[in-house]
Amino acid sequence: MKAIAIQTYGGPEGLAVVDLPAPAPAAGQVVIATEAVGVGGVDTMIRSGALAAYGFKEGHIPGNEVAGTVAAVGDGVDASWIGGRVWAFTGTGGGYVEQALVPLEETVPLPVNLSAVDAVTLGSSGVVAHFGLRHAHFAPGESVLVRGAAGSIGIMAVQLAARGGAAAVAVTTSSAERGEQLRRLGATHVLDRSGEGGEQAPAGYDVIVDVVAGKDMPSFFDRLNPNGRMVAVGAVAGQPPADFGTKIMAAFQKSMSFAAFSAATVSGADRRTVRSEQFAAASRGEIETVVHEVLPLEAAVLAHQKMDAGEVFGRIVLTP
């Protein structure tokens, strides 16, 4: 089968098409003939070498979510899964392939009228946004700021906060055009990347969902209300300064808090339940999936170039 591997860590040109043996499922596993592969920010971070400390080696196959049809099952897996349309989480890699090998417990059936492309646009990002807001103890009537709202996680956080009864949903983004797209999805105030703009925007926020992190993250503590909570659900701009916590301590009497959130801390059963609910909601048109572009698997280099250039609004999807 064809796959995309990281031959050299660094720029997108380090990605290459390789030929690999077709996978054979072990006990508890399924093989999925992939129809769509999601391209995420973590893929570009791994490819760049930014996460080398976590043990990624050359030859790594990026991608963590796929959708398609179950082609084979291992021992202990009911044969009725074969031929079923599913979404699946492949872990920290293994998604940029024509045939993906995944544990059955990371596989979720898809509604009949939800496309594979839509599934990989929603599958991971929707869960992160849902549980990220829960981690922030978001409640109806509170104000929310989504920092870095143009990606798939940010777009879902905007929609879920609006659906959850937020009094205001502000976003930071890079252009007025993207701002208007986010307004259509539920944003009430559009700010620039530094958090400025929006004449009627709240002076402070109860919850900040941060997809960006990076060197500017500490400045956003100034935008938290008393008892406000910031939750970092990503770090597409890299790690924040080592001393970022001094901002919180300097405003001790505001009782602000900061937390990081990873969906890996949520039980598999809870993740599957929320994914199934969100897939059903998307199939009914209650949640919108935003697809920036669909490209062939062999165009993974181009997909990563677009990601690195900040051109992407929503999700790029690869199709084998």
Foldseek 3Di string as FASTA:
>chain_A
DWAWFQQDAAALVSIAIDDDDADDAAAQKWKFQFFKFWDDLLQLCVSNCVVVVVPDDGRFGAGFKTWGATCDHHPPDDPVSHGFTWMFTQPRHQGLDRMGMHGPLRIAGFPPQQDRHLLNLCQPLLLLLVVLCVVQVDAAAFEEEEQPLQESNNLNNQLVCQVRHYPAYEYEDDDVVSVVVSVVSHHDAYAHNLRDDGPPDDQAGQEYEYAAAAASVLVNVNRHAQNHEYEYAHHSNHHYDPPSCVSCVVPVRSNYYYYYDDCVVPDSVVSNVSSRVVSVCVSVVNHDADEQEEEASRCSSVVSVCVVVVNHGGIYMHGD
